[in-house]
C-alpha cells in the first residue's frame, strides 16, 4: 500500500544509515567504495568536476578539494 511506498522513499532518501557517497549521496558499501580527498565515493561516481570523466586514484588532480582529470 501507500505506507510501503512512503517507507521506500524515506529509506532511499535517508538510507538506513551507513556511509554516503559524496558523488551521488546514496549508501556506499565497503566493498564498492574508494576514499579520496577524505570523502567516500562509489568508484563510478568519482568523476572530474569539469567534464565528468570517471577518475581513478592515479589519474586525478585535486583543486580546492574537488577532483579533476589532469586535462582540466
C-alpha atoms as a PDB file:
ATOM      1  CA  UNK A   1       0.000   0.000   0.000  1.00  0.00           C
ATOM      2  CA  UNK A   2       0.921   3.638   0.196  1.00  0.00           C
ATOM      3  CA  UNK A   3       2.723   3.187   3.519  1.00  0.00           C
ATOM      4  CA  UNK A   4       5.166   0.750   1.919  1.00  0.00           C
ATOM      5  CA  UNK A   5       5.773   3.236  -0.890  1.00  0.00           C
ATOM      6  CA  UNK A   6       6.391   6.112   1.539  1.00  0.00           C
ATOM      7  CA  UNK A   7       8.726   3.956   3.613  1.00  0.00           C
ATOM      8  CA  UNK A   8      10.686   3.114   0.448  1.00  0.00           C
ATOM      9  CA  UNK A   9      11.041   6.811  -0.361  1.00  0.00           C
ATOM     10  CA  UNK A  10      12.183   7.616   3.169  1.00  0.00           C
ATOM     11  CA  UNK A  11      14.683   4.747   3.184  1.00  0.00           C
ATOM     12  CA  UNK A  12      16.067   5.708  -0.208  1.00  0.00           C
ATOM     13  CA  UNK A  13      16.349   9.379   0.770  1.00  0.00           C
ATOM     14  CA  UNK A  14      17.945   8.898   4.160  1.00  0.00           C
ATOM     15  CA  UNK A  15      19.123   5.336   3.783  1.00  0.00           C
ATOM     16  CA  UNK A  16      19.372   3.021   6.716  1.00  0.00           C
ATOM     17  CA  UNK A  17      22.371   4.917   7.969  1.00  0.00           C
ATOM     18  CA  UNK A  18      25.764   3.914   6.680  1.00  0.00           C
ATOM     19  CA  UNK A  19      28.291   5.751   4.587  1.00  0.00           C
ATOM     20  CA  UNK A  20      27.068   8.060   1.836  1.00  0.00           C
ATOM     21  CA  UNK A  21      28.819   8.503  -1.491  1.00  0.00           C
ATOM     22  CA  UNK A  22      29.982  12.098  -1.920  1.00  0.00           C
ATOM     23  CA  UNK A  23      29.119  11.916  -5.638  1.00  0.00           C
ATOM     24  CA  UNK A  24      25.544  10.593  -5.583  1.00  0.00           C
ATOM     25  CA  UNK A  25      24.671  10.757  -1.864  1.00  0.00           C
ATOM     26  CA  UNK A  26      23.466   7.142  -1.851  1.00  0.00           C
ATOM     27  CA  UNK A  27      24.775   4.489   0.505  1.00  0.00           C
ATOM     28  CA  UNK A  28      28.182   3.159  -0.490  1.00  0.00           C
ATOM     29  CA  UNK A  29      29.288  -0.168   0.948  1.00  0.00           C
ATOM     30  CA  UNK A  30      32.838  -1.028   1.969  1.00  0.00           C
ATOM     31  CA  UNK A  31      33.291  -3.442  -0.932  1.00  0.00           C
ATOM     32  CA  UNK A  32      32.498  -0.799  -3.567  1.00  0.00           C
ATOM     33  CA  UNK A  33      33.861   2.426  -2.110  1.00  0.00           C
ATOM     34  CA  UNK A  34      37.033   4.373  -2.559  1.00  0.00           C
ATOM     35  CA  UNK A  35      38.183   7.053  -0.147  1.00  0.00           C
ATOM     36  CA  UNK A  36      39.690  10.033  -1.921  1.00  0.00           C
ATOM     37  CA  UNK A  37      40.052  13.638  -0.743  1.00  0.00           C
ATOM     38  CA  UNK A  38      38.856  12.484   2.694  1.00  0.00           C
ATOM     39  CA  UNK A  39      35.473  11.534   1.193  1.00  0.00           C
ATOM     40  CA  UNK A  40      33.869   8.201   0.298  1.00  0.00           C
ATOM     41  CA  UNK A  41      32.764   7.549  -3.295  1.00  0.00           C
ATOM     42  CA  UNK A  42      31.376   4.746  -5.425  1.00  0.00           C
ATOM     43  CA  UNK A  43      34.143   4.027  -7.929  1.00  0.00           C
ATOM     44  CA  UNK A  44      31.835   5.108 -10.767  1.00  0.00           C
ATOM     45  CA  UNK A  45      30.883   8.373  -9.020  1.00  0.00           C
ATOM     46  CA  UNK A  46      34.442   9.642  -8.682  1.00  0.00           C
ATOM     47  CA  UNK A  47      34.433  11.955 -11.706  1.00  0.00           C
ATOM     48  CA  UNK A  48      36.066  15.121 -12.947  1.00  0.00           C
ATOM     49  CA  UNK A  49      34.188  18.153 -11.657  1.00  0.00           C
ATOM     50  CA  UNK A  50      34.606  19.816 -15.067  1.00  0.00           C
ATOM     51  CA  UNK A  51      33.977  17.113 -17.701  1.00  0.00           C
ATOM     52  CA  UNK A  52      32.579  14.129 -15.730  1.00  0.00           C
ATOM     53  CA  UNK A  53      35.292  11.727 -16.899  1.00  0.00           C
ATOM     54  CA  UNK A  54      35.463   8.809 -14.466  1.00  0.00           C
ATOM     55  CA  UNK A  55      38.650   9.089 -12.441  1.00  0.00           C
ATOM     56  CA  UNK A  56      40.875   6.687 -10.553  1.00  0.00           C
ATOM     57  CA  UNK A  57      43.198   7.182  -7.624  1.00  0.00           C
ATOM     58  CA  UNK A  58      46.056   7.544 -10.143  1.00  0.00           C
ATOM     59  CA  UNK A  59      44.695   9.971 -12.724  1.00  0.00           C
ATOM     60  CA  UNK A  60      43.163  12.900 -10.874  1.00  0.00           C
ATOM     61  CA  UNK A  61      44.239  16.250  -9.538  1.00  0.00           C
ATOM     62  CA  UNK A  62      42.603  17.957  -6.564  1.00  0.00           C
ATOM     63  CA  UNK A  63      41.775  21.642  -6.806  1.00  0.00           C
ATOM     64  CA  UNK A  64      40.124  23.235  -3.778  1.00  0.00           C
ATOM     65  CA  UNK A  65      39.153  19.773  -2.535  1.00  0.00           C
ATOM     66  CA  UNK A  66      37.366  18.761  -5.746  1.00  0.00           C
ATOM     67  CA  UNK A  67      38.542  16.113  -8.209  1.00  0.00           C
ATOM     68  CA  UNK A  68      39.547  16.984 -11.753  1.00  0.00           C
ATOM     69  CA  UNK A  69      41.086  14.975 -14.571  1.00  0.00           C
ATOM     70  CA  UNK A  70      44.625  16.042 -15.359  1.00  0.00           C
ATOM     71  CA  UNK A  71      43.452  17.749 -18.574  1.00  0.00           C
ATOM     72  CA  UNK A  72      41.352  20.188 -16.539  1.00  0.00           C
END
